[in-house]
N, C-alpha and C. Protein backbone atom coordinates (compact mmCIF):
# COMPACT_ATOMS: atom_id res chain seq x y z
N UNK A 1 0.84 -1.19 0.00
CA UNK A 1 0.00 0.00 0.00
C UNK A 1 0.88 1.25 0.00
N UNK A 2 0.57 2.19 -0.86
CA UNK A 2 1.27 3.47 -0.92
C UNK A 2 0.32 4.55 -0.44
N UNK A 3 0.69 5.26 0.61
CA UNK A 3 -0.18 6.30 1.16
C UNK A 3 0.62 7.56 1.41
N UNK A 4 -0.08 8.69 1.40
CA UNK A 4 0.57 9.95 1.76
C UNK A 4 1.17 10.66 0.56
N UNK A 5 1.81 11.77 0.85
CA UNK A 5 2.50 12.52 -0.18
C UNK A 5 1.64 13.61 -0.80
N UNK A 6 2.22 14.35 -1.73
CA UNK A 6 1.53 15.43 -2.42
C UNK A 6 1.43 15.09 -3.90
N UNK A 7 0.49 15.71 -4.59
CA UNK A 7 0.26 15.43 -6.00
C UNK A 7 0.60 16.65 -6.85
N UNK A 8 1.10 16.38 -8.05
CA UNK A 8 1.38 17.44 -9.02
C UNK A 8 0.90 16.98 -10.39
N UNK A 9 0.70 17.93 -11.30
CA UNK A 9 0.38 17.60 -12.69
C UNK A 9 1.70 17.37 -13.43
N UNK A 10 1.78 16.24 -14.15
CA UNK A 10 3.02 15.89 -14.82
C UNK A 10 2.70 15.04 -16.04
N UNK A 11 3.49 15.14 -17.12
CA UNK A 11 3.21 14.35 -18.33
C UNK A 11 3.24 12.84 -18.08
N UNK A 12 4.11 12.39 -17.18
CA UNK A 12 4.18 10.96 -16.90
C UNK A 12 4.14 10.73 -15.39
N UNK A 13 3.70 9.54 -14.95
CA UNK A 13 3.64 9.27 -13.51
C UNK A 13 5.03 9.14 -12.90
N UNK A 14 5.22 9.75 -11.75
CA UNK A 14 6.48 9.63 -11.01
C UNK A 14 6.16 9.48 -9.53
N UNK A 15 7.02 8.79 -8.83
CA UNK A 15 6.86 8.71 -7.38
C UNK A 15 8.18 8.29 -6.75
N UNK A 16 8.32 8.62 -5.49
CA UNK A 16 9.47 8.17 -4.72
C UNK A 16 8.98 7.66 -3.40
N UNK A 17 9.64 6.67 -2.85
CA UNK A 17 9.18 6.14 -1.57
C UNK A 17 10.34 5.53 -0.79
N UNK A 18 10.09 5.31 0.47
CA UNK A 18 11.04 4.63 1.35
C UNK A 18 10.26 3.71 2.27
N UNK A 19 10.69 2.47 2.39
CA UNK A 19 10.07 1.54 3.32
C UNK A 19 10.75 1.73 4.67
N UNK A 20 10.02 2.24 5.64
CA UNK A 20 10.62 2.61 6.92
C UNK A 20 10.14 1.77 8.10
N UNK A 21 9.23 0.85 7.86
CA UNK A 21 8.77 0.02 8.97
C UNK A 21 7.57 -0.82 8.61
N UNK A 22 7.09 -1.57 9.58
CA UNK A 22 5.92 -2.43 9.42
C UNK A 22 4.86 -1.98 10.41
N UNK A 23 3.62 -1.90 9.96
CA UNK A 23 2.52 -1.41 10.79
C UNK A 23 1.55 -2.53 11.13
N UNK A 24 1.20 -2.62 12.40
CA UNK A 24 0.14 -3.53 12.84
C UNK A 24 -1.19 -2.83 12.55
N UNK A 25 -1.95 -3.34 11.59
CA UNK A 25 -3.17 -2.66 11.15
C UNK A 25 -4.20 -2.52 12.27
N UNK A 26 -4.06 -3.31 13.32
CA UNK A 26 -5.00 -3.21 14.45
C UNK A 26 -4.65 -2.04 15.37
N UNK A 27 -3.48 -1.44 15.17
CA UNK A 27 -3.04 -0.38 16.06
C UNK A 27 -2.66 0.89 15.30
N UNK A 28 -3.23 1.06 14.13
CA UNK A 28 -2.92 2.22 13.31
C UNK A 28 -3.75 3.43 13.76
N UNK A 29 -3.11 4.57 13.85
CA UNK A 29 -3.82 5.82 14.10
C UNK A 29 -3.83 6.62 12.81
N UNK A 30 -5.02 6.92 12.28
CA UNK A 30 -5.15 7.65 11.03
C UNK A 30 -5.86 8.98 11.28
N UNK A 31 -6.13 9.69 10.20
CA UNK A 31 -6.86 10.96 10.32
C UNK A 31 -8.36 10.76 10.10
N UNK A 32 -8.82 9.51 10.10
CA UNK A 32 -10.20 9.22 9.70
C UNK A 32 -11.08 8.68 10.83
N UNK A 33 -10.67 8.88 12.07
CA UNK A 33 -11.44 8.29 13.17
C UNK A 33 -11.82 9.30 14.25
N UNK A 34 -11.74 10.58 13.95
CA UNK A 34 -12.13 11.59 14.94
C UNK A 34 -13.63 11.50 15.22
N UNK A 35 -14.01 11.80 16.46
CA UNK A 35 -15.41 11.72 16.87
C UNK A 35 -15.84 13.02 17.56
N UNK A 36 -17.10 13.42 17.39
CA UNK A 36 -17.58 14.62 18.09
C UNK A 36 -17.29 14.53 19.59
N UNK A 37 -16.79 15.61 20.14
CA UNK A 37 -16.41 15.64 21.55
C UNK A 37 -14.92 15.51 21.77
N UNK A 38 -14.20 14.96 20.78
CA UNK A 38 -12.74 14.86 20.90
C UNK A 38 -12.14 16.26 20.99
N UNK A 39 -11.10 16.39 21.80
CA UNK A 39 -10.38 17.65 21.91
C UNK A 39 -9.18 17.65 20.99
N UNK A 40 -8.85 18.80 20.44
CA UNK A 40 -7.73 18.95 19.52
C UNK A 40 -6.50 19.43 20.28
N UNK A 41 -5.43 18.65 20.21
CA UNK A 41 -4.19 18.97 20.93
C UNK A 41 -3.07 19.15 19.91
N UNK A 42 -2.38 20.29 19.98
CA UNK A 42 -1.28 20.60 19.08
C UNK A 42 0.05 20.46 19.82
N UNK A 43 1.05 19.81 19.18
CA UNK A 43 2.30 19.51 19.88
C UNK A 43 3.48 20.42 19.52
N UNK A 44 3.32 21.30 18.55
CA UNK A 44 4.36 22.28 18.24
C UNK A 44 3.70 23.62 17.89
N UNK A 45 4.31 24.72 18.30
CA UNK A 45 3.78 26.03 17.92
C UNK A 45 3.93 26.26 16.42
N UNK A 46 3.15 27.18 15.89
CA UNK A 46 3.17 27.46 14.45
C UNK A 46 4.10 28.62 14.11
N UNK A 47 4.47 28.68 12.84
CA UNK A 47 5.24 29.83 12.35
C UNK A 47 6.54 29.49 11.65
N UNK A 48 6.83 28.20 11.42
CA UNK A 48 8.12 27.88 10.80
C UNK A 48 8.22 28.39 9.37
N UNK A 49 7.10 28.38 8.63
CA UNK A 49 7.15 28.89 7.26
C UNK A 49 7.49 30.37 7.22
N UNK A 50 6.85 31.12 8.09
CA UNK A 50 7.11 32.57 8.18
C UNK A 50 8.53 32.83 8.65
N UNK A 51 8.97 32.08 9.67
CA UNK A 51 10.31 32.27 10.23
C UNK A 51 11.39 31.95 9.21
N UNK A 52 11.27 30.83 8.52
CA UNK A 52 12.32 30.45 7.56
C UNK A 52 12.34 31.40 6.37
N UNK A 53 11.19 31.91 5.99
CA UNK A 53 11.16 32.92 4.92
C UNK A 53 11.91 34.18 5.36
N UNK A 54 11.68 34.59 6.60
CA UNK A 54 12.36 35.76 7.13
C UNK A 54 13.86 35.53 7.26
N UNK A 55 14.25 34.32 7.64
CA UNK A 55 15.68 33.98 7.75
C UNK A 55 16.35 34.12 6.38
N UNK A 56 15.70 33.59 5.34
CA UNK A 56 16.26 33.68 3.99
C UNK A 56 16.38 35.13 3.51
N UNK A 57 15.47 35.96 3.97
CA UNK A 57 15.49 37.37 3.55
C UNK A 57 16.33 38.26 4.47
N UNK A 58 16.85 37.66 5.53
CA UNK A 58 17.69 38.42 6.45
C UNK A 58 16.92 39.28 7.43
N UNK A 59 15.64 38.99 7.65
CA UNK A 59 14.81 39.79 8.54
C UNK A 59 14.72 39.24 9.96
N UNK A 60 15.00 37.97 10.13
CA UNK A 60 14.79 37.32 11.43
C UNK A 60 15.95 37.58 12.38
N UNK A 61 15.64 37.65 13.66
CA UNK A 61 16.69 37.80 14.66
C UNK A 61 17.44 36.48 14.82
N UNK A 62 18.65 36.57 15.34
CA UNK A 62 19.45 35.37 15.59
C UNK A 62 18.75 34.47 16.61
N UNK A 63 18.10 35.08 17.58
CA UNK A 63 17.38 34.32 18.60
C UNK A 63 16.26 33.49 17.99
N UNK A 64 15.50 34.08 17.07
CA UNK A 64 14.43 33.34 16.41
C UNK A 64 14.99 32.23 15.53
N UNK A 65 16.08 32.52 14.84
CA UNK A 65 16.70 31.52 13.98
C UNK A 65 17.09 30.28 14.78
N UNK A 66 17.74 30.47 15.92
CA UNK A 66 18.12 29.34 16.76
C UNK A 66 16.90 28.59 17.26
N UNK A 67 15.87 29.33 17.62
CA UNK A 67 14.66 28.72 18.17
C UNK A 67 13.95 27.87 17.14
N UNK A 68 13.83 28.37 15.91
CA UNK A 68 13.11 27.63 14.89
C UNK A 68 13.89 26.39 14.43
N UNK A 69 15.22 26.49 14.41
CA UNK A 69 16.03 25.32 14.06
C UNK A 69 15.88 24.23 15.11
N UNK A 70 15.91 24.62 16.37
CA UNK A 70 15.72 23.65 17.46
C UNK A 70 14.34 23.01 17.39
N UNK A 71 13.33 23.81 17.06
CA UNK A 71 11.97 23.30 16.97
C UNK A 71 11.82 22.30 15.83
N UNK A 72 12.38 22.64 14.67
CA UNK A 72 12.27 21.75 13.51
C UNK A 72 13.09 20.48 13.70
N UNK A 73 14.09 20.54 14.56
CA UNK A 73 14.93 19.36 14.83
C UNK A 73 14.27 18.39 15.80
N UNK A 74 13.21 18.81 16.45
CA UNK A 74 12.50 17.96 17.41
C UNK A 74 11.61 16.98 16.65
N UNK A 75 11.85 15.69 16.85
CA UNK A 75 11.11 14.64 16.14
C UNK A 75 9.85 14.28 16.91
N UNK A 76 8.79 13.94 16.16
CA UNK A 76 7.49 13.64 16.76
C UNK A 76 7.37 12.18 17.23
N UNK A 77 8.39 11.67 17.89
CA UNK A 77 8.36 10.26 18.30
C UNK A 77 7.28 9.97 19.34
N UNK A 78 6.85 10.98 20.07
CA UNK A 78 5.82 10.76 21.09
C UNK A 78 4.52 10.28 20.46
N UNK A 79 4.32 10.58 19.19
CA UNK A 79 3.11 10.13 18.51
C UNK A 79 2.99 8.63 18.47
N UNK A 80 4.12 7.95 18.25
CA UNK A 80 4.11 6.48 18.22
C UNK A 80 3.76 5.92 19.59
N UNK A 81 4.28 6.55 20.63
CA UNK A 81 3.99 6.10 22.00
C UNK A 81 2.51 6.22 22.30
N UNK A 82 1.91 7.34 21.93
CA UNK A 82 0.48 7.54 22.17
C UNK A 82 -0.36 6.55 21.37
N UNK A 83 0.06 6.29 20.13
CA UNK A 83 -0.68 5.35 19.29
C UNK A 83 -0.63 3.94 19.87
N UNK A 84 0.55 3.52 20.32
CA UNK A 84 0.70 2.18 20.88
C UNK A 84 -0.14 2.00 22.14
N UNK A 85 -0.33 3.07 22.89
CA UNK A 85 -1.14 3.00 24.11
C UNK A 85 -2.64 3.15 23.83
N UNK A 86 -2.97 3.45 22.59
CA UNK A 86 -4.37 3.61 22.24
C UNK A 86 -5.03 4.82 22.85
N UNK A 87 -4.25 5.89 23.07
CA UNK A 87 -4.77 7.07 23.76
C UNK A 87 -5.28 8.15 22.81
N UNK A 88 -5.00 7.99 21.53
CA UNK A 88 -5.38 9.00 20.55
C UNK A 88 -6.36 8.39 19.56
N UNK A 89 -7.45 9.09 19.31
CA UNK A 89 -8.48 8.57 18.42
C UNK A 89 -8.09 8.77 16.95
N UNK A 90 -7.55 9.93 16.64
CA UNK A 90 -7.12 10.26 15.28
C UNK A 90 -5.99 11.27 15.37
N UNK A 91 -5.21 11.38 14.30
CA UNK A 91 -4.08 12.32 14.33
C UNK A 91 -3.64 12.64 12.91
N UNK A 92 -2.96 13.77 12.79
CA UNK A 92 -2.32 14.14 11.53
C UNK A 92 -1.11 14.99 11.86
N UNK A 93 -0.14 15.02 10.95
CA UNK A 93 0.98 15.94 11.14
C UNK A 93 0.63 17.26 10.48
N UNK A 94 1.25 18.32 10.95
CA UNK A 94 1.02 19.65 10.39
C UNK A 94 2.24 20.02 9.56
N UNK A 95 2.08 20.00 8.24
CA UNK A 95 3.21 20.29 7.36
C UNK A 95 2.80 21.33 6.31
N UNK A 96 2.94 21.00 5.04
CA UNK A 96 2.81 21.99 3.98
C UNK A 96 1.48 22.68 3.83
N UNK A 97 0.39 22.04 4.26
CA UNK A 97 -0.93 22.66 4.11
C UNK A 97 -1.34 23.48 5.33
N UNK A 98 -0.47 23.58 6.31
CA UNK A 98 -0.77 24.37 7.50
C UNK A 98 -1.78 23.69 8.41
N UNK A 99 -1.99 24.27 9.57
CA UNK A 99 -2.92 23.70 10.55
C UNK A 99 -4.31 23.55 9.97
N UNK A 100 -4.84 24.60 9.35
CA UNK A 100 -6.20 24.54 8.85
C UNK A 100 -6.33 23.55 7.70
N UNK A 101 -5.37 23.54 6.79
CA UNK A 101 -5.43 22.60 5.67
C UNK A 101 -5.47 21.16 6.12
N UNK A 102 -4.63 20.82 7.09
CA UNK A 102 -4.61 19.43 7.57
C UNK A 102 -5.82 19.12 8.43
N UNK A 103 -6.35 20.11 9.14
CA UNK A 103 -7.58 19.90 9.90
C UNK A 103 -8.76 19.69 8.96
N UNK A 104 -8.77 20.38 7.84
CA UNK A 104 -9.81 20.15 6.82
C UNK A 104 -9.75 18.71 6.34
N UNK A 105 -8.56 18.21 6.04
CA UNK A 105 -8.42 16.83 5.57
C UNK A 105 -8.90 15.84 6.63
N UNK A 106 -8.52 16.08 7.88
CA UNK A 106 -8.94 15.20 8.98
C UNK A 106 -10.46 15.23 9.13
N UNK A 107 -11.04 16.40 9.07
CA UNK A 107 -12.48 16.54 9.24
C UNK A 107 -13.24 15.84 8.12
N UNK A 108 -12.76 16.00 6.91
CA UNK A 108 -13.40 15.33 5.78
C UNK A 108 -13.29 13.81 5.90
N UNK A 109 -12.09 13.33 6.23
CA UNK A 109 -11.88 11.89 6.33
C UNK A 109 -12.73 11.28 7.44
N UNK A 110 -12.94 12.03 8.51
CA UNK A 110 -13.69 11.54 9.67
C UNK A 110 -15.18 11.88 9.59
N UNK A 111 -15.56 12.67 8.58
CA UNK A 111 -16.95 13.09 8.40
C UNK A 111 -17.47 13.86 9.63
N UNK A 112 -16.66 14.79 10.06
CA UNK A 112 -17.01 15.65 11.20
C UNK A 112 -16.67 17.09 10.85
N UNK A 113 -16.95 17.99 11.76
CA UNK A 113 -16.50 19.38 11.66
C UNK A 113 -15.61 19.68 12.87
N UNK A 114 -15.03 20.86 12.88
CA UNK A 114 -14.14 21.21 13.99
C UNK A 114 -14.31 22.67 14.38
N UNK A 115 -14.11 22.93 15.65
CA UNK A 115 -14.06 24.29 16.17
C UNK A 115 -12.66 24.56 16.69
N UNK A 116 -12.13 25.73 16.37
CA UNK A 116 -10.78 26.11 16.78
C UNK A 116 -10.83 27.47 17.47
N UNK A 117 -10.16 27.56 18.61
CA UNK A 117 -10.00 28.85 19.30
C UNK A 117 -8.68 29.45 18.82
N UNK A 118 -8.70 30.43 17.92
CA UNK A 118 -7.45 30.96 17.36
C UNK A 118 -6.51 31.53 18.41
N UNK A 119 -7.06 32.04 19.51
CA UNK A 119 -6.21 32.61 20.57
C UNK A 119 -5.47 31.54 21.35
N UNK A 120 -5.91 30.28 21.24
CA UNK A 120 -5.27 29.18 21.96
C UNK A 120 -4.15 28.54 21.16
N UNK A 121 -4.01 28.93 19.90
CA UNK A 121 -2.99 28.33 19.03
C UNK A 121 -1.66 29.05 19.26
N UNK A 122 -0.64 28.33 19.73
CA UNK A 122 0.64 28.99 20.03
C UNK A 122 1.47 29.25 18.78
N UNK A 123 2.25 30.33 18.81
CA UNK A 123 3.22 30.57 17.75
C UNK A 123 4.62 30.58 18.35
N UNK A 124 5.60 30.37 17.50
CA UNK A 124 6.98 30.17 17.95
C UNK A 124 7.46 31.33 18.82
N UNK A 125 7.14 32.55 18.39
CA UNK A 125 7.63 33.75 19.07
C UNK A 125 6.73 34.92 18.71
N UNK A 126 6.68 35.92 19.57
CA UNK A 126 5.93 37.13 19.24
C UNK A 126 6.50 37.82 18.00
N UNK A 127 7.75 37.52 17.70
CA UNK A 127 8.39 38.10 16.52
C UNK A 127 7.67 37.68 15.23
N UNK A 128 7.00 36.53 15.26
CA UNK A 128 6.29 36.05 14.08
C UNK A 128 5.24 37.06 13.63
N UNK A 129 4.53 37.65 14.58
CA UNK A 129 3.52 38.65 14.24
C UNK A 129 4.12 39.84 13.51
N UNK A 130 5.29 40.29 13.97
CA UNK A 130 5.97 41.41 13.31
C UNK A 130 6.40 41.03 11.89
N UNK A 131 6.86 39.80 11.73
CA UNK A 131 7.32 39.34 10.41
C UNK A 131 6.16 39.24 9.43
N UNK A 132 4.99 38.85 9.92
CA UNK A 132 3.81 38.81 9.05
C UNK A 132 3.49 40.21 8.56
N UNK A 133 3.55 41.19 9.46
CA UNK A 133 3.27 42.58 9.08
C UNK A 133 4.28 43.09 8.06
N UNK A 134 5.53 42.58 8.14
CA UNK A 134 6.58 42.99 7.20
C UNK A 134 6.45 42.29 5.85
N UNK A 135 5.57 41.28 5.78
CA UNK A 135 5.37 40.57 4.52
C UNK A 135 6.22 39.34 4.34
N UNK A 136 6.84 38.85 5.41
CA UNK A 136 7.67 37.64 5.30
C UNK A 136 6.79 36.39 5.39
N UNK A 137 5.95 36.24 4.38
CA UNK A 137 5.01 35.12 4.33
C UNK A 137 5.27 34.32 3.06
N UNK A 138 5.55 33.02 3.17
CA UNK A 138 5.80 32.22 1.97
C UNK A 138 4.56 32.11 1.10
N UNK A 139 4.77 31.97 -0.19
CA UNK A 139 3.65 31.89 -1.12
C UNK A 139 2.76 30.70 -0.81
N UNK A 140 3.37 29.60 -0.34
CA UNK A 140 2.57 28.42 0.01
C UNK A 140 1.56 28.71 1.10
N UNK A 141 1.93 29.54 2.05
CA UNK A 141 1.01 29.90 3.13
C UNK A 141 -0.14 30.76 2.61
N UNK A 142 0.18 31.67 1.71
CA UNK A 142 -0.88 32.49 1.12
C UNK A 142 -1.85 31.62 0.31
N UNK A 143 -1.30 30.65 -0.41
CA UNK A 143 -2.14 29.74 -1.19
C UNK A 143 -3.01 28.89 -0.27
N UNK A 144 -2.45 28.48 0.86
CA UNK A 144 -3.24 27.71 1.83
C UNK A 144 -4.44 28.51 2.32
N UNK A 145 -4.20 29.78 2.64
CA UNK A 145 -5.28 30.64 3.12
C UNK A 145 -6.36 30.80 2.04
N UNK A 146 -5.93 31.03 0.82
CA UNK A 146 -6.88 31.19 -0.28
C UNK A 146 -7.69 29.92 -0.50
N UNK A 147 -7.03 28.76 -0.45
CA UNK A 147 -7.69 27.49 -0.75
C UNK A 147 -8.69 27.07 0.31
N UNK A 148 -8.49 27.51 1.54
CA UNK A 148 -9.36 27.05 2.63
C UNK A 148 -10.39 28.07 3.08
N UNK A 149 -10.33 29.28 2.54
CA UNK A 149 -11.20 30.36 3.02
C UNK A 149 -12.68 29.98 2.96
N UNK A 150 -13.12 29.34 1.89
CA UNK A 150 -14.54 29.01 1.75
C UNK A 150 -14.96 27.88 2.69
N UNK A 151 -14.00 27.21 3.31
CA UNK A 151 -14.30 26.10 4.21
C UNK A 151 -14.27 26.50 5.67
N UNK A 152 -13.92 27.76 5.92
CA UNK A 152 -13.71 28.23 7.30
C UNK A 152 -14.61 29.42 7.62
N UNK A 153 -15.24 29.38 8.78
CA UNK A 153 -15.93 30.56 9.31
C UNK A 153 -14.95 31.25 10.24
N UNK A 154 -14.30 32.30 9.73
CA UNK A 154 -13.22 32.94 10.46
C UNK A 154 -13.71 33.85 11.59
N UNK A 155 -15.01 34.14 11.63
CA UNK A 155 -15.55 35.05 12.64
C UNK A 155 -14.74 36.36 12.61
N UNK A 156 -14.22 36.80 13.73
CA UNK A 156 -13.49 38.07 13.79
C UNK A 156 -11.97 37.88 13.78
N UNK A 157 -11.51 36.70 13.37
CA UNK A 157 -10.07 36.42 13.35
C UNK A 157 -9.36 37.38 12.39
N UNK A 158 -8.34 38.07 12.87
CA UNK A 158 -7.66 39.05 12.02
C UNK A 158 -6.78 38.36 10.98
N UNK A 159 -6.34 39.16 10.00
CA UNK A 159 -5.59 38.62 8.87
C UNK A 159 -4.29 37.95 9.30
N UNK A 160 -3.58 38.54 10.25
CA UNK A 160 -2.30 37.98 10.70
C UNK A 160 -2.50 36.60 11.32
N UNK A 161 -3.54 36.47 12.12
CA UNK A 161 -3.82 35.17 12.76
C UNK A 161 -4.27 34.15 11.72
N UNK A 162 -5.00 34.57 10.71
CA UNK A 162 -5.40 33.65 9.64
C UNK A 162 -4.18 33.11 8.90
N UNK A 163 -3.23 34.01 8.65
CA UNK A 163 -1.99 33.59 7.98
C UNK A 163 -1.23 32.60 8.85
N UNK A 164 -1.16 32.85 10.15
CA UNK A 164 -0.48 31.92 11.05
C UNK A 164 -1.13 30.55 11.01
N UNK A 165 -2.45 30.51 11.03
CA UNK A 165 -3.16 29.23 11.09
C UNK A 165 -3.07 28.45 9.78
N UNK A 166 -2.72 29.13 8.69
CA UNK A 166 -2.55 28.44 7.41
C UNK A 166 -1.09 28.41 6.96
N UNK A 167 -0.18 28.82 7.83
CA UNK A 167 1.24 28.85 7.48
C UNK A 167 1.77 27.45 7.19
N UNK A 168 2.44 27.31 6.05
CA UNK A 168 3.03 26.03 5.66
C UNK A 168 4.19 25.70 6.59
N UNK A 169 4.10 24.59 7.29
CA UNK A 169 5.11 24.23 8.29
C UNK A 169 6.15 23.28 7.73
N UNK A 170 7.37 23.45 8.16
CA UNK A 170 8.44 22.48 7.92
C UNK A 170 8.71 21.77 9.24
N UNK A 171 8.63 20.44 9.23
CA UNK A 171 8.79 19.65 10.46
C UNK A 171 7.85 20.16 11.54
N UNK A 172 6.57 20.27 11.17
CA UNK A 172 5.57 20.73 12.13
C UNK A 172 5.22 19.66 13.15
N UNK A 173 4.34 20.01 14.05
CA UNK A 173 3.95 19.08 15.10
C UNK A 173 2.82 18.17 14.70
N UNK A 174 2.21 17.55 15.69
CA UNK A 174 1.07 16.66 15.48
C UNK A 174 -0.20 17.35 15.96
N UNK A 175 -1.28 17.06 15.29
CA UNK A 175 -2.61 17.47 15.75
C UNK A 175 -3.32 16.19 16.17
N UNK A 176 -3.62 16.09 17.46
CA UNK A 176 -4.18 14.88 18.04
C UNK A 176 -5.64 15.08 18.39
N UNK A 177 -6.45 14.07 18.13
CA UNK A 177 -7.86 14.06 18.55
C UNK A 177 -7.97 13.13 19.75
N UNK A 178 -8.29 13.71 20.89
CA UNK A 178 -8.24 12.97 22.15
C UNK A 178 -9.59 13.03 22.85
N UNK A 179 -10.08 11.87 23.27
CA UNK A 179 -11.31 11.85 24.06
C UNK A 179 -11.08 12.60 25.36
N UNK A 180 -12.09 13.33 25.82
CA UNK A 180 -11.93 14.18 27.00
C UNK A 180 -11.48 13.39 28.22
N UNK A 181 -11.94 12.16 28.35
CA UNK A 181 -11.58 11.33 29.50
C UNK A 181 -10.10 10.97 29.51
N UNK A 182 -9.45 11.04 28.35
CA UNK A 182 -8.03 10.68 28.25
C UNK A 182 -7.12 11.90 28.16
N UNK A 183 -7.69 13.08 28.18
CA UNK A 183 -6.91 14.29 27.92
C UNK A 183 -5.76 14.47 28.90
N UNK A 184 -6.01 14.41 30.20
CA UNK A 184 -4.96 14.66 31.18
C UNK A 184 -3.81 13.66 31.05
N UNK A 185 -4.14 12.41 30.77
CA UNK A 185 -3.10 11.40 30.60
C UNK A 185 -2.23 11.73 29.39
N UNK A 186 -2.88 12.12 28.30
CA UNK A 186 -2.14 12.48 27.09
C UNK A 186 -1.27 13.71 27.33
N UNK A 187 -1.80 14.72 27.98
CA UNK A 187 -1.02 15.93 28.26
C UNK A 187 0.17 15.63 29.14
N UNK A 188 0.01 14.75 30.12
CA UNK A 188 1.12 14.38 31.00
C UNK A 188 2.22 13.67 30.21
N UNK A 189 1.83 12.79 29.29
CA UNK A 189 2.82 12.09 28.47
C UNK A 189 3.57 13.08 27.59
N UNK A 190 2.85 14.02 27.01
CA UNK A 190 3.49 15.03 26.15
C UNK A 190 4.48 15.88 26.95
N UNK A 191 4.12 16.26 28.15
CA UNK A 191 5.02 17.07 28.98
C UNK A 191 6.26 16.29 29.38
N UNK A 192 6.08 15.04 29.76
CA UNK A 192 7.22 14.21 30.15
C UNK A 192 8.16 13.97 28.98
N UNK A 193 7.62 14.00 27.77
CA UNK A 193 8.44 13.80 26.58
C UNK A 193 9.08 15.10 26.10
N UNK A 194 8.91 16.16 26.89
CA UNK A 194 9.46 17.49 26.54
C UNK A 194 8.97 17.96 25.17
N UNK A 195 7.71 17.67 24.89
CA UNK A 195 7.10 18.14 23.65
C UNK A 195 7.08 19.68 23.65
N UNK A 196 7.40 20.32 22.51
CA UNK A 196 7.46 21.78 22.48
C UNK A 196 6.23 22.48 23.05
N UNK A 197 5.06 21.91 22.82
CA UNK A 197 3.86 22.43 23.47
C UNK A 197 2.81 21.33 23.53
N UNK A 198 1.83 21.53 24.37
CA UNK A 198 0.70 20.59 24.48
C UNK A 198 -0.54 21.45 24.65
N UNK A 199 -0.94 22.07 23.55
CA UNK A 199 -1.99 23.08 23.58
C UNK A 199 -3.32 22.51 23.12
N UNK A 200 -4.34 22.67 23.95
CA UNK A 200 -5.70 22.29 23.56
C UNK A 200 -6.28 23.47 22.79
N UNK A 201 -6.50 23.30 21.49
CA UNK A 201 -6.85 24.43 20.63
C UNK A 201 -8.29 24.38 20.10
N UNK A 202 -9.02 23.33 20.41
CA UNK A 202 -10.38 23.24 19.90
C UNK A 202 -10.98 21.88 20.14
N UNK A 203 -12.05 21.59 19.39
CA UNK A 203 -12.71 20.30 19.56
C UNK A 203 -13.40 19.88 18.26
N UNK A 204 -13.68 18.60 18.19
CA UNK A 204 -14.43 18.03 17.07
C UNK A 204 -15.92 18.13 17.39
N UNK A 205 -16.70 18.52 16.38
CA UNK A 205 -18.15 18.64 16.54
C UNK A 205 -18.84 17.91 15.39
N UNK A 206 -20.13 17.62 15.51
CA UNK A 206 -20.84 16.93 14.43
C UNK A 206 -20.83 17.75 13.13
N UNK A 207 -20.81 17.06 12.00
CA UNK A 207 -20.88 17.73 10.71
C UNK A 207 -22.26 18.35 10.52
N UNK A 208 -22.29 19.56 9.99
CA UNK A 208 -23.55 20.23 9.74
C UNK A 208 -23.49 20.95 8.40
N UNK A 209 -24.52 20.82 7.60
CA UNK A 209 -24.57 21.51 6.32
C UNK A 209 -24.85 23.01 6.49
N UNK A 210 -25.21 23.40 7.68
CA UNK A 210 -25.58 24.79 7.93
C UNK A 210 -24.39 25.68 8.24
N UNK A 211 -23.21 25.11 8.36
CA UNK A 211 -22.04 25.92 8.68
C UNK A 211 -20.82 25.35 7.98
N UNK A 212 -19.76 26.16 7.82
CA UNK A 212 -18.54 25.68 7.19
C UNK A 212 -17.90 24.52 7.97
N UNK A 213 -16.97 23.86 7.32
CA UNK A 213 -16.32 22.69 7.91
C UNK A 213 -15.57 23.04 9.19
N UNK A 214 -14.90 24.19 9.20
CA UNK A 214 -14.12 24.64 10.35
C UNK A 214 -14.67 25.98 10.83
N UNK A 215 -14.89 26.11 12.13
CA UNK A 215 -15.41 27.36 12.69
C UNK A 215 -14.47 27.87 13.78
N UNK A 216 -14.19 29.17 13.75
CA UNK A 216 -13.41 29.79 14.80
C UNK A 216 -14.31 30.11 16.00
N UNK A 217 -13.77 29.96 17.19
CA UNK A 217 -14.52 30.27 18.41
C UNK A 217 -13.66 31.18 19.29
N UNK A 218 -14.15 31.52 20.46
CA UNK A 218 -13.35 32.28 21.41
C UNK A 218 -13.36 33.78 21.13
């Protein structure tokens, strides 16, 4: 089985792959099993796309550069531990499509909707906000925002926060769907594993035709 990856238009089919392990199908955690009532937990702050763009343009501080490199170097091994313990209902990594893009995919696969509190979503540094104002935003992040706008009820979320939530991440964290009864146990495991963050940013809700797939709250 070949799963994952991104698609492009090309005259002939191409693909690359690496066999990295064997999966017990009875213990797989996918993005297709989220249930209404599950809480959304994010394991890394957002902003790597904005930060790395600023670094390339010479706008970022040395402090931010060190911080983002350390963050991207942190591997999401805790995800395997949580999956083996059966503590997570569904999960996805946050990479090129940004938090909202990957949450859209998870919601569609699970046939649910999601609510997100934008103020609860952490960013790498307050400097990220300044860099957004300066225009240090990768084109991929702008495309993510454009592609997901019709699927999101942004409420009063300002433009800078929208860009952060759709920022294309490099070596981003995990977005975990956790039953409320298991939340404290999951948060304790994340803290003990020195996970960059363990932020509860929203929840899964029933799908409704009367509202967009993703709704901002708070």
